[in-house]
Amino acid sequence: MKKLFALLFAILIIYVIYIDLTVGTLPNATQTVEAEAKGTAKPETGLSETGMSSFKEKVKPGETVITIVEHHINKALPVSIDDLIHDFQTLNPGKTPEKIQIGSTYQFPDYSKK
């Protein structure tokens, strides 16, 4: 009887760990942000105050400046990473690409015409 109880307890523990690692047990801020973002349309595009072609987009979990720009233009990045960083910082004064936050909206350079 003890062995059966130990086996069932071990299965329960493994199941709980699996659910916790895959789905999680507590709602987090990213789920709230994703729920709000589901109703949004295509990101705004146009010229920024600096005269540079840009678009605004809300950052989702796992995205970087490079992946957002590449996804927007549907091809590989046509400029160097240094140029992308410079353009991003020009469009977003005081912000660095390394410190973008999930759920925040930033302006990104639009290289779709390059």
PDB file of N, CA and C in Angstrom:
ATOM      1  N   MET A   1       0.816  -1.185   0.000  1.00  0.00           N
ATOM      2  CA  MET A   1       0.000   0.000   0.000  1.00  0.00           C
ATOM      3  C   MET A   1       0.871   1.266   0.000  1.00  0.00           C
ATOM      4  N   LYS A   2       1.971   1.227   0.749  1.00  0.00           N
ATOM      5  CA  LYS A   2       2.865   2.383   0.792  1.00  0.00           C
ATOM      6  C   LYS A   2       3.481   2.645  -0.582  1.00  0.00           C
ATOM      7  N   LYS A   3       3.815   1.557  -1.295  1.00  0.00           N
ATOM      8  CA  LYS A   3       4.422   1.718  -2.615  1.00  0.00           C
ATOM      9  C   LYS A   3       3.430   2.338  -3.596  1.00  0.00           C
ATOM     10  N   LEU A   4       2.165   1.938  -3.534  1.00  0.00           N
ATOM     11  CA  LEU A   4       1.137   2.497  -4.404  1.00  0.00           C
ATOM     12  C   LEU A   4       0.945   3.987  -4.114  1.00  0.00           C
ATOM     13  N   PHE A   5       0.888   4.335  -2.831  1.00  0.00           N
ATOM     14  CA  PHE A   5       0.752   5.739  -2.441  1.00  0.00           C
ATOM     15  C   PHE A   5       1.952   6.557  -2.919  1.00  0.00           C
ATOM     16  N   ALA A   6       3.152   6.007  -2.784  1.00  0.00           N
ATOM     17  CA  ALA A   6       4.360   6.709  -3.222  1.00  0.00           C
ATOM     18  C   ALA A   6       4.351   6.902  -4.735  1.00  0.00           C
ATOM     19  N   LEU A   7       3.910   5.890  -5.487  1.00  0.00           N
ATOM     20  CA  LEU A   7       3.835   5.987  -6.937  1.00  0.00           C
ATOM     21  C   LEU A   7       2.822   7.059  -7.359  1.00  0.00           C
ATOM     22  N   LEU A   8       1.656   7.069  -6.780  1.00  0.00           N
ATOM     23  CA  LEU A   8       0.642   8.068  -7.098  1.00  0.00           C
ATOM     24  C   LEU A   8       1.109   9.467  -6.717  1.00  0.00           C
ATOM     25  N   PHE A   9       1.766   9.597  -5.593  1.00  0.00           N
ATOM     26  CA  PHE A   9       2.293  10.887  -5.166  1.00  0.00           C
ATOM     27  C   PHE A   9       3.361  11.385  -6.150  1.00  0.00           C
ATOM     28  N   ALA A  10       4.240  10.487  -6.614  1.00  0.00           N
ATOM     29  CA  ALA A  10       5.278  10.866  -7.574  1.00  0.00           C
ATOM     30  C   ALA A  10       4.655  11.314  -8.898  1.00  0.00           C
ATOM     31  N   ILE A  11       3.633  10.625  -9.358  1.00  0.00           N
ATOM     32  CA  ILE A  11       2.948  11.013 -10.592  1.00  0.00           C
ATOM     33  C   ILE A  11       2.301  12.381 -10.427  1.00  0.00           C
ATOM     34  N   LEU A  12       1.684  12.620  -9.289  1.00  0.00           N
ATOM     35  CA  LEU A  12       1.072  13.912  -9.015  1.00  0.00           C
ATOM     36  C   LEU A  12       2.112  15.028  -9.032  1.00  0.00           C
ATOM     37  N   ILE A  13       3.244  14.816  -8.412  1.00  0.00           N
ATOM     38  CA  ILE A  13       4.312  15.819  -8.370  1.00  0.00           C
ATOM     39  C   ILE A  13       4.832  16.104  -9.779  1.00  0.00           C
ATOM     40  N   ILE A  14       5.054  15.072 -10.572  1.00  0.00           N
ATOM     41  CA  ILE A  14       5.531  15.256 -11.946  1.00  0.00           C
ATOM     42  C   ILE A  14       4.505  16.037 -12.759  1.00  0.00           C
ATOM     43  N   TYR A  15       3.228  15.720 -12.610  1.00  0.00           N
ATOM     44  CA  TYR A  15       2.168  16.434 -13.330  1.00  0.00           C
ATOM     45  C   TYR A  15       2.133  17.916 -12.935  1.00  0.00           C
ATOM     46  N   VAL A  16       2.233  18.202 -11.659  1.00  0.00           N
ATOM     47  CA  VAL A  16       2.196  19.584 -11.181  1.00  0.00           C
ATOM     48  C   VAL A  16       3.391  20.366 -11.724  1.00  0.00           C
ATOM     49  N   ILE A  17       4.551  19.766 -11.736  1.00  0.00           N
ATOM     50  CA  ILE A  17       5.743  20.436 -12.261  1.00  0.00           C
ATOM     51  C   ILE A  17       5.576  20.691 -13.762  1.00  0.00           C
ATOM     52  N   TYR A  18       5.054  19.709 -14.493  1.00  0.00           N
ATOM     53  CA  TYR A  18       4.828  19.873 -15.928  1.00  0.00           C
ATOM     54  C   TYR A  18       3.878  21.036 -16.204  1.00  0.00           C
ATOM     55  N   ILE A  19       2.757  21.103 -15.515  1.00  0.00           N
ATOM     56  CA  ILE A  19       1.786  22.185 -15.710  1.00  0.00           C
ATOM     57  C   ILE A  19       2.403  23.529 -15.347  1.00  0.00           C
ATOM     58  N   ASP A  20       3.153  23.576 -14.267  1.00  0.00           N
ATOM     59  CA  ASP A  20       3.772  24.829 -13.837  1.00  0.00           C
ATOM     60  C   ASP A  20       4.782  25.340 -14.857  1.00  0.00           C
ATOM     61  N   LEU A  21       5.546  24.443 -15.467  1.00  0.00           N
ATOM     62  CA  LEU A  21       6.560  24.860 -16.431  1.00  0.00           C
ATOM     63  C   LEU A  21       5.971  25.198 -17.800  1.00  0.00           C
ATOM     64  N   THR A  22       4.897  24.551 -18.198  1.00  0.00           N
ATOM     65  CA  THR A  22       4.339  24.799 -19.525  1.00  0.00           C
ATOM     66  C   THR A  22       3.289  25.899 -19.531  1.00  0.00           C
ATOM     67  N   VAL A  23       2.334  25.836 -18.638  1.00  0.00           N
ATOM     68  CA  VAL A  23       1.232  26.788 -18.631  1.00  0.00           C
ATOM     69  C   VAL A  23       1.410  27.855 -17.560  1.00  0.00           C
ATOM     70  N   GLY A  24       1.895  27.449 -16.433  1.00  0.00           N
ATOM     71  CA  GLY A  24       2.019  28.363 -15.305  1.00  0.00           C
ATOM     72  C   GLY A  24       0.762  28.305 -14.451  1.00  0.00           C
ATOM     73  N   THR A  25       0.878  28.806 -13.257  1.00  0.00           N
ATOM     74  CA  THR A  25      -0.260  28.750 -12.344  1.00  0.00           C
ATOM     75  C   THR A  25      -0.808  30.123 -11.996  1.00  0.00           C
ATOM     76  N   LEU A  26      -0.027  31.157 -12.216  1.00  0.00           N
ATOM     77  CA  LEU A  26      -0.469  32.507 -11.910  1.00  0.00           C
ATOM     78  C   LEU A  26      -0.538  33.336 -13.184  1.00  0.00           C
ATOM     79  N   PRO A  27      -1.562  34.174 -13.332  1.00  0.00           N
ATOM     80  CA  PRO A  27      -1.570  35.063 -14.500  1.00  0.00           C
ATOM     81  C   PRO A  27      -0.439  36.080 -14.363  1.00  0.00           C
ATOM     82  N   ASN A  28       0.150  36.442 -15.481  1.00  0.00           N
ATOM     83  CA  ASN A  28       1.224  37.423 -15.417  1.00  0.00           C
ATOM     84  C   ASN A  28       0.900  38.600 -16.310  1.00  0.00           C
ATOM     85  N   ALA A  29       1.751  39.590 -16.286  1.00  0.00           N
ATOM     86  CA  ALA A  29       1.505  40.829 -17.025  1.00  0.00           C
ATOM     87  C   ALA A  29       1.502  40.605 -18.528  1.00  0.00           C
ATOM     88  N   THR A  30       2.293  39.661 -19.024  1.00  0.00           N
ATOM     89  CA  THR A  30       2.336  39.433 -20.467  1.00  0.00           C
ATOM     90  C   THR A  30       1.015  38.893 -20.987  1.00  0.00           C
ATOM     91  N   GLN A  31       0.323  38.084 -20.200  1.00  0.00           N
ATOM     92  CA  GLN A  31      -0.983  37.591 -20.638  1.00  0.00           C
ATOM     93  C   GLN A  31      -1.963  38.741 -20.742  1.00  0.00           C
ATOM     94  N   THR A  32      -1.895  39.682 -19.836  1.00  0.00           N
ATOM     95  CA  THR A  32      -2.766  40.850 -19.872  1.00  0.00           C
ATOM     96  C   THR A  32      -2.443  41.705 -21.092  1.00  0.00           C
ATOM     97  N   VAL A  33      -1.166  41.889 -21.372  1.00  0.00           N
ATOM     98  CA  VAL A  33      -0.746  42.686 -22.518  1.00  0.00           C
ATOM     99  C   VAL A  33      -1.193  42.017 -23.813  1.00  0.00           C
ATOM    100  N   GLU A  34      -1.043  40.698 -23.905  1.00  0.00           N
ATOM    101  CA  GLU A  34      -1.459  39.982 -25.104  1.00  0.00           C
ATOM    102  C   GLU A  34      -2.966  40.082 -25.304  1.00  0.00           C
ATOM    103  N   ALA A  35      -3.721  40.037 -24.234  1.00  0.00           N
ATOM    104  CA  ALA A  35      -5.172  40.148 -24.342  1.00  0.00           C
ATOM    105  C   ALA A  35      -5.574  41.523 -24.860  1.00  0.00           C
ATOM    106  N   GLU A  36      -4.879  42.560 -24.423  1.00  0.00           N
ATOM    107  CA  GLU A  36      -5.167  43.909 -24.904  1.00  0.00           C
ATOM    108  C   GLU A  36      -4.752  44.078 -26.362  1.00  0.00           C
ATOM    109  N   ALA A  37      -3.664  43.419 -26.744  1.00  0.00           N
ATOM    110  CA  ALA A  37      -3.128  43.588 -28.093  1.00  0.00           C
ATOM    111  C   ALA A  37      -3.948  42.850 -29.146  1.00  0.00           C
ATOM    112  N   LYS A  38      -4.767  41.902 -28.771  1.00  0.00           N
ATOM    113  CA  LYS A  38      -5.528  41.133 -29.751  1.00  0.00           C
ATOM    114  C   LYS A  38      -6.480  42.011 -30.548  1.00  0.00           C
ATOM    115  N   GLY A  39      -6.918  43.094 -29.998  1.00  0.00           N
ATOM    116  CA  GLY A  39      -7.852  43.959 -30.702  1.00  0.00           C
ATOM    117  C   GLY A  39      -7.194  45.031 -31.531  1.00  0.00           C
ATOM    118  N   THR A  40      -5.871  45.050 -31.595  1.00  0.00           N
ATOM    119  CA  THR A  40      -5.181  46.116 -32.327  1.00  0.00           C
ATOM    120  C   THR A  40      -5.082  45.784 -33.801  1.00  0.00           C
ATOM    121  N   ALA A  41      -5.040  46.812 -34.607  1.00  0.00           N
ATOM    122  CA  ALA A  41      -4.910  46.650 -36.051  1.00  0.00           C
ATOM    123  C   ALA A  41      -3.444  46.693 -36.443  1.00  0.00           C
ATOM    124  N   LYS A  42      -3.192  46.850 -37.744  1.00  0.00           N
ATOM    125  CA  LYS A  42      -1.822  46.943 -38.239  1.00  0.00           C
ATOM    126  C   LYS A  42      -1.132  48.167 -37.645  1.00  0.00           C
ATOM    127  N   PRO A  43       0.167  48.056 -37.341  1.00  0.00           N
ATOM    128  CA  PRO A  43       0.859  49.189 -36.728  1.00  0.00           C
ATOM    129  C   PRO A  43       0.838  50.433 -37.613  1.00  0.00           C
ATOM    130  N   GLU A  44       0.867  51.586 -36.948  1.00  0.00           N
ATOM    131  CA  GLU A  44       0.873  52.855 -37.674  1.00  0.00           C
ATOM    132  C   GLU A  44       2.205  53.017 -38.398  1.00  0.00           C
ATOM    133  N   THR A  45       2.148  53.592 -39.591  1.00  0.00           N
ATOM    134  CA  THR A  45       3.375  53.867 -40.329  1.00  0.00           C
ATOM    135  C   THR A  45       3.366  55.323 -40.754  1.00  0.00           C
ATOM    136  N   GLY A  46       4.525  55.844 -41.107  1.00  0.00           N
ATOM    137  CA  GLY A  46       4.614  57.224 -41.562  1.00  0.00           C
ATOM    138  C   GLY A  46       5.960  57.816 -41.255  1.00  0.00           C
ATOM    139  N   LEU A  47       6.049  59.112 -41.422  1.00  0.00           N
ATOM    140  CA  LEU A  47       7.289  59.821 -41.129  1.00  0.00           C
ATOM    141  C   LEU A  47       7.272  60.269 -39.679  1.00  0.00           C
ATOM    142  N   SER A  48       8.389  60.102 -39.015  1.00  0.00           N
ATOM    143  CA  SER A  48       8.492  60.554 -37.628  1.00  0.00           C
ATOM    144  C   SER A  48       8.852  62.036 -37.611  1.00  0.00           C
ATOM    145  N   GLU A  49       8.994  62.559 -36.400  1.00  0.00           N
ATOM    146  CA  GLU A  49       9.384  63.964 -36.240  1.00  0.00           C
ATOM    147  C   GLU A  49      10.772  64.222 -36.814  1.00  0.00           C
ATOM    148  N   THR A  50      11.600  63.182 -36.900  1.00  0.00           N
ATOM    149  CA  THR A  50      12.958  63.335 -37.417  1.00  0.00           C
ATOM    150  C   THR A  50      12.999  63.275 -38.935  1.00  0.00           C
ATOM    151  N   GLY A  51      11.856  62.996 -39.583  1.00  0.00           N
ATOM    152  CA  GLY A  51      11.818  62.895 -41.033  1.00  0.00           C
ATOM    153  C   GLY A  51      12.140  61.500 -41.534  1.00  0.00           C
ATOM    154  N   MET A  52      12.430  60.585 -40.616  1.00  0.00           N
ATOM    155  CA  MET A  52      12.759  59.219 -40.961  1.00  0.00           C
ATOM    156  C   MET A  52      11.467  58.400 -41.055  1.00  0.00           C
ATOM    157  N   SER A  53      11.383  57.544 -42.060  1.00  0.00           N
ATOM    158  CA  SER A  53      10.221  56.672 -42.193  1.00  0.00           C
ATOM    159  C   SER A  53      10.214  55.688 -41.020  1.00  0.00           C
ATOM    160  N   SER A  54       9.063  55.592 -40.334  1.00  0.00           N
ATOM    161  CA  SER A  54       9.010  54.744 -39.149  1.00  0.00           C
ATOM    162  C   SER A  54       7.610  54.169 -38.971  1.00  0.00           C
ATOM    163  N   PHE A  55       7.506  53.230 -38.047  1.00  0.00           N
ATOM    164  CA  PHE A  55       6.219  52.663 -37.661  1.00  0.00           C
ATOM    165  C   PHE A  55       6.227  52.426 -36.156  1.00  0.00           C
ATOM    166  N   LYS A  56       5.027  52.467 -35.567  1.00  0.00           N
ATOM    167  CA  LYS A  56       4.896  52.223 -34.136  1.00  0.00           C
ATOM    168  C   LYS A  56       4.390  50.812 -33.928  1.00  0.00           C
ATOM    169  N   GLU A  57       4.946  50.155 -32.902  1.00  0.00           N
ATOM    170  CA  GLU A  57       4.475  48.817 -32.578  1.00  0.00           C
ATOM    171  C   GLU A  57       4.695  48.546 -31.102  1.00  0.00           C
ATOM    172  N   LYS A  58       3.750  47.789 -30.527  1.00  0.00           N
ATOM    173  CA  LYS A  58       3.839  47.385 -29.130  1.00  0.00           C
ATOM    174  C   LYS A  58       4.689  46.123 -29.052  1.00  0.00           C
ATOM    175  N   VAL A  59       5.618  46.077 -28.114  1.00  0.00           N
ATOM    176  CA  VAL A  59       6.539  44.963 -27.971  1.00  0.00           C
ATOM    177  C   VAL A  59       5.823  43.791 -27.294  1.00  0.00           C
ATOM    178  N   LYS A  60       5.974  42.614 -27.900  1.00  0.00           N
ATOM    179  CA  LYS A  60       5.399  41.391 -27.349  1.00  0.00           C
ATOM    180  C   LYS A  60       6.511  40.563 -26.723  1.00  0.00           C
ATOM    181  N   PRO A  61       6.169  39.612 -25.869  1.00  0.00           N
ATOM    182  CA  PRO A  61       7.202  38.791 -25.231  1.00  0.00           C
ATOM    183  C   PRO A  61       8.080  38.071 -26.253  1.00  0.00           C
ATOM    184  N   GLY A  62       9.380  38.092 -26.018  1.00  0.00           N
ATOM    185  CA  GLY A  62      10.338  37.401 -26.865  1.00  0.00           C
ATOM    186  C   GLY A  62      10.804  38.185 -28.074  1.00  0.00           C
ATOM    187  N   GLU A  63      10.291  39.376 -28.280  1.00  0.00           N
ATOM    188  CA  GLU A  63      10.680  40.160 -29.443  1.00  0.00           C
ATOM    189  C   GLU A  63      11.862  41.067 -29.123  1.00  0.00           C
ATOM    190  N   THR A  64      12.658  41.311 -30.158  1.00  0.00           N
ATOM    191  CA  THR A  64      13.758  42.269 -30.068  1.00  0.00           C
ATOM    192  C   THR A  64      13.545  43.314 -31.157  1.00  0.00           C
ATOM    193  N   VAL A  65      14.335  44.352 -31.142  1.00  0.00           N
ATOM    194  CA  VAL A  65      14.225  45.394 -32.156  1.00  0.00           C
ATOM    195  C   VAL A  65      14.453  44.783 -33.542  1.00  0.00           C
ATOM    196  N   ILE A  66      15.435  43.909 -33.657  1.00  0.00           N
ATOM    197  CA  ILE A  66      15.735  43.291 -34.949  1.00  0.00           C
ATOM    198  C   ILE A  66      14.555  42.453 -35.439  1.00  0.00           C
ATOM    199  N   THR A  67      13.992  41.610 -34.571  1.00  0.00           N
ATOM    200  CA  THR A  67      12.895  40.739 -35.014  1.00  0.00           C
ATOM    201  C   THR A  67      11.655  41.545 -35.373  1.00  0.00           C
ATOM    202  N   ILE A  68      11.392  42.623 -34.662  1.00  0.00           N
ATOM    203  CA  ILE A  68      10.221  43.455 -34.969  1.00  0.00           C
ATOM    204  C   ILE A  68      10.388  44.101 -36.344  1.00  0.00           C
ATOM    205  N   VAL A  69      11.558  44.658 -36.618  1.00  0.00           N
ATOM    206  CA  VAL A  69      11.792  45.314 -37.906  1.00  0.00           C
ATOM    207  C   VAL A  69      11.774  44.284 -39.035  1.00  0.00           C
ATOM    208  N   GLU A  70      12.429  43.139 -38.841  1.00  0.00           N
ATOM    209  CA  GLU A  70      12.430  42.106 -39.876  1.00  0.00           C
ATOM    210  C   GLU A  70      11.025  41.582 -40.150  1.00  0.00           C
ATOM    211  N   HIS A  71      10.223  41.418 -39.114  1.00  0.00           N
ATOM    212  CA  HIS A  71       8.846  40.951 -39.297  1.00  0.00           C
ATOM    213  C   HIS A  71       8.024  41.990 -40.059  1.00  0.00           C
ATOM    214  N   HIS A  72       8.262  43.250 -39.785  1.00  0.00           N
ATOM    215  CA  HIS A  72       7.516  44.323 -40.457  1.00  0.00           C
ATOM    216  C   HIS A  72       7.836  44.390 -41.953  1.00  0.00           C
ATOM    217  N   ILE A  73       9.109  44.218 -42.308  1.00  0.00           N
ATOM    218  CA  ILE A  73       9.490  44.333 -43.721  1.00  0.00           C
ATOM    219  C   ILE A  73       9.457  42.986 -44.446  1.00  0.00           C
ATOM    220  N   ASN A  74       9.241  41.901 -43.705  1.00  0.00           N
ATOM    221  CA  ASN A  74       9.153  40.546 -44.276  1.00  0.00           C
ATOM    222  C   ASN A  74      10.395  40.107 -45.044  1.00  0.00           C
ATOM    223  N   LYS A  75      11.549  40.525 -44.584  1.00  0.00           N
ATOM    224  CA  LYS A  75      12.819  40.080 -45.168  1.00  0.00           C
ATOM    225  C   LYS A  75      13.932  40.354 -44.161  1.00  0.00           C
ATOM    226  N   ALA A  76      15.142  39.965 -44.531  1.00  0.00           N
ATOM    227  CA  ALA A  76      16.290  40.189 -43.653  1.00  0.00           C
ATOM    228  C   ALA A  76      16.574  41.685 -43.537  1.00  0.00           C
ATOM    229  N   LEU A  77      17.242  42.042 -42.480  1.00  0.00           N
ATOM    230  CA  LEU A  77      17.573  43.437 -42.200  1.00  0.00           C
ATOM    231  C   LEU A  77      18.485  43.997 -43.295  1.00  0.00           C
ATOM    232  N   PRO A  78      18.070  45.070 -44.007  1.00  0.00           N
ATOM    233  CA  PRO A  78      18.871  45.595 -45.115  1.00  0.00           C
ATOM    234  C   PRO A  78      19.975  46.562 -44.697  1.00  0.00           C
ATOM    235  N   VAL A  79      20.101  46.846 -43.414  1.00  0.00           N
ATOM    236  CA  VAL A  79      21.139  47.760 -42.922  1.00  0.00           C
ATOM    237  C   VAL A  79      21.928  47.043 -41.828  1.00  0.00           C
ATOM    238  N   SER A  80      23.030  47.652 -41.429  1.00  0.00           N
ATOM    239  CA  SER A  80      23.822  47.047 -40.360  1.00  0.00           C
ATOM    240  C   SER A  80      23.107  47.211 -39.028  1.00  0.00           C
ATOM    241  N   ILE A  81      23.484  46.384 -38.090  1.00  0.00           N
ATOM    242  CA  ILE A  81      22.880  46.454 -36.755  1.00  0.00           C
ATOM    243  C   ILE A  81      23.213  47.785 -36.089  1.00  0.00           C
ATOM    244  N   ASP A  82      24.415  48.291 -36.330  1.00  0.00           N
ATOM    245  CA  ASP A  82      24.789  49.597 -35.770  1.00  0.00           C
ATOM    246  C   ASP A  82      23.867  50.700 -36.283  1.00  0.00           C
ATOM    247  N   ASP A  83      23.538  50.651 -37.590  1.00  0.00           N
ATOM    248  CA  ASP A  83      22.622  51.644 -38.152  1.00  0.00           C
ATOM    249  C   ASP A  83      21.230  51.511 -37.545  1.00  0.00           C
ATOM    250  N   LEU A  84      20.782  50.270 -37.361  1.00  0.00           N
ATOM    251  CA  LEU A  84      19.471  50.032 -36.752  1.00  0.00           C
ATOM    252  C   LEU A  84      19.425  50.597 -35.335  1.00  0.00           C
ATOM    253  N   ILE A  85      20.464  50.350 -34.565  1.00  0.00           N
ATOM    254  CA  ILE A  85      20.524  50.865 -33.189  1.00  0.00           C
ATOM    255  C   ILE A  85      20.500  52.395 -33.193  1.00  0.00           C
ATOM    256  N   HIS A  86      21.295  52.997 -34.070  1.00  0.00           N
ATOM    257  CA  HIS A  86      21.333  54.465 -34.153  1.00  0.00           C
ATOM    258  C   HIS A  86      19.964  55.016 -34.529  1.00  0.00           C
ATOM    259  N   ASP A  87      19.318  54.423 -35.542  1.00  0.00           N
ATOM    260  CA  ASP A  87      18.005  54.895 -35.977  1.00  0.00           C
ATOM    261  C   ASP A  87      16.956  54.717 -34.885  1.00  0.00           C
ATOM    262  N   PHE A  88      17.001  53.579 -34.172  1.00  0.00           N
ATOM    263  CA  PHE A  88      16.057  53.350 -33.079  1.00  0.00           C
ATOM    264  C   PHE A  88      16.227  54.403 -31.984  1.00  0.00           C
ATOM    265  N   GLN A  89      17.466  54.686 -31.617  1.00  0.00           N
ATOM    266  CA  GLN A  89      17.720  55.684 -30.574  1.00  0.00           C
ATOM    267  C   GLN A  89      17.362  57.087 -31.040  1.00  0.00           C
ATOM    268  N   THR A  90      17.463  57.364 -32.339  1.00  0.00           N
ATOM    269  CA  THR A  90      17.047  58.659 -32.874  1.00  0.00           C
ATOM    270  C   THR A  90      15.533  58.813 -32.775  1.00  0.00           C
ATOM    271  N   LEU A  91      14.815  57.743 -33.082  1.00  0.00           N
ATOM    272  CA  LEU A  91      13.350  57.782 -33.030  1.00  0.00           C
ATOM    273  C   LEU A  91      12.811  57.762 -31.602  1.00  0.00           C
ATOM    274  N   ASN A  92      13.566  57.167 -30.682  1.00  0.00           N
ATOM    275  CA  ASN A  92      13.145  57.032 -29.290  1.00  0.00           C
ATOM    276  C   ASN A  92      14.232  57.586 -28.379  1.00  0.00           C
ATOM    277  N   PRO A  93      14.315  58.907 -28.242  1.00  0.00           N
ATOM    278  CA  PRO A  93      15.384  59.501 -27.431  1.00  0.00           C
ATOM    279  C   PRO A  93      15.380  58.972 -25.997  1.00  0.00           C
ATOM    280  N   GLY A  94      16.562  58.626 -25.521  1.00  0.00           N
ATOM    281  CA  GLY A  94      16.705  58.144 -24.159  1.00  0.00           C
ATOM    282  C   GLY A  94      16.423  56.663 -23.992  1.00  0.00           C
ATOM    283  N   LYS A  95      16.051  55.974 -25.063  1.00  0.00           N
ATOM    284  CA  LYS A  95      15.755  54.537 -24.991  1.00  0.00           C
ATOM    285  C   LYS A  95      16.847  53.771 -25.719  1.00  0.00           C
ATOM    286  N   THR A  96      17.217  52.608 -25.194  1.00  0.00           N
ATOM    287  CA  THR A  96      18.186  51.752 -25.869  1.00  0.00           C
ATOM    288  C   THR A  96      17.489  50.462 -26.292  1.00  0.00           C
ATOM    289  N   PRO A  97      17.905  49.862 -27.403  1.00  0.00           N
ATOM    290  CA  PRO A  97      17.267  48.637 -27.876  1.00  0.00           C
ATOM    291  C   PRO A  97      17.368  47.482 -26.876  1.00  0.00           C
ATOM    292  N   GLU A  98      18.405  47.499 -26.054  1.00  0.00           N
ATOM    293  CA  GLU A  98      18.592  46.427 -25.084  1.00  0.00           C
ATOM    294  C   GLU A  98      17.589  46.501 -23.935  1.00  0.00           C
ATOM    295  N   LYS A  99      16.970  47.652 -23.743  1.00  0.00           N
ATOM    296  CA  LYS A  99      16.101  47.852 -22.580  1.00  0.00           C
ATOM    297  C   LYS A  99      14.631  48.058 -22.955  1.00  0.00           C
ATOM    298  N   ILE A 100      14.210  47.591 -24.142  1.00  0.00           N
ATOM    299  CA  ILE A 100      12.797  47.734 -24.483  1.00  0.00           C
ATOM    300  C   ILE A 100      11.976  46.847 -23.563  1.00  0.00           C
ATOM    301  N   GLN A 101      10.769  47.294 -23.255  1.00  0.00           N
ATOM    302  CA  GLN A 101       9.933  46.585 -22.292  1.00  0.00           C
ATOM    303  C   GLN A 101       8.688  46.022 -22.966  1.00  0.00           C
ATOM    304  N   ILE A 102       8.309  44.833 -22.555  1.00  0.00           N
ATOM    305  CA  ILE A 102       7.113  44.179 -23.076  1.00  0.00           C
ATOM    306  C   ILE A 102       5.902  45.043 -22.759  1.00  0.00           C
ATOM    307  N   GLY A 103       5.053  45.232 -23.748  1.00  0.00           N
ATOM    308  CA  GLY A 103       3.836  46.016 -23.573  1.00  0.00           C
ATOM    309  C   GLY A 103       3.993  47.489 -23.867  1.00  0.00           C
ATOM    310  N   SER A 104       5.219  47.962 -24.004  1.00  0.00           N
ATOM    311  CA  SER A 104       5.447  49.371 -24.330  1.00  0.00           C
ATOM    312  C   SER A 104       5.452  49.544 -25.841  1.00  0.00           C
ATOM    313  N   THR A 105       5.030  50.729 -26.293  1.00  0.00           N
ATOM    314  CA  THR A 105       5.007  51.031 -27.721  1.00  0.00           C
ATOM    315  C   THR A 105       6.187  51.931 -28.058  1.00  0.00           C
ATOM    316  N   TYR A 106       6.896  51.566 -29.112  1.00  0.00           N
ATOM    317  CA  TYR A 106       8.060  52.314 -29.557  1.00  0.00           C
ATOM    318  C   TYR A 106       7.933  52.589 -31.052  1.00  0.00           C
ATOM    319  N   GLN A 107       8.724  53.547 -31.533  1.00  0.00           N
ATOM    320  CA  GLN A 107       8.832  53.786 -32.967  1.00  0.00           C
ATOM    321  C   GLN A 107      10.036  53.009 -33.470  1.00  0.00           C
ATOM    322  N   PHE A 108       9.850  52.340 -34.602  1.00  0.00           N
ATOM    323  CA  PHE A 108      10.915  51.561 -35.205  1.00  0.00           C
ATOM    324  C   PHE A 108      11.169  52.095 -36.613  1.00  0.00           C
ATOM    325  N   PRO A 109      12.429  52.093 -37.049  1.00  0.00           N
ATOM    326  CA  PRO A 109      12.714  52.552 -38.411  1.00  0.00           C
ATOM    327  C   PRO A 109      12.084  51.610 -39.437  1.00  0.00           C
ATOM    328  N   ASP A 110      11.521  52.184 -40.488  1.00  0.00           N
ATOM    329  CA  ASP A 110      10.866  51.395 -41.533  1.00  0.00           C
ATOM    330  C   ASP A 110      11.802  51.309 -42.736  1.00  0.00           C
ATOM    331  N   TYR A 111      12.381  50.136 -42.951  1.00  0.00           N
ATOM    332  CA  TYR A 111      13.312  49.912 -44.042  1.00  0.00           C
ATOM    333  C   TYR A 111      12.647  49.169 -45.193  1.00  0.00           C
ATOM    334  N   SER A 112      11.345  49.227 -45.299  1.00  0.00           N
ATOM    335  CA  SER A 112      10.651  48.456 -46.342  1.00  0.00           C
ATOM    336  C   SER A 112      10.951  48.960 -47.744  1.00  0.00           C
ATOM    337  N   LYS A 113      11.411  50.179 -47.897  1.00  0.00           N
ATOM    338  CA  LYS A 113      11.700  50.725 -49.210  1.00  0.00           C
ATOM    339  C   LYS A 113      13.161  50.565 -49.606  1.00  0.00           C
ATOM    340  N   LYS A 114      13.972  49.963 -48.732  1.00  0.00           N
ATOM    341  CA  LYS A 114      15.400  49.790 -49.034  1.00  0.00           C
ATOM    342  C   LYS A 114      15.621  48.487 -49.746  1.00  0.00           C
TER     343      LYS A 114
END
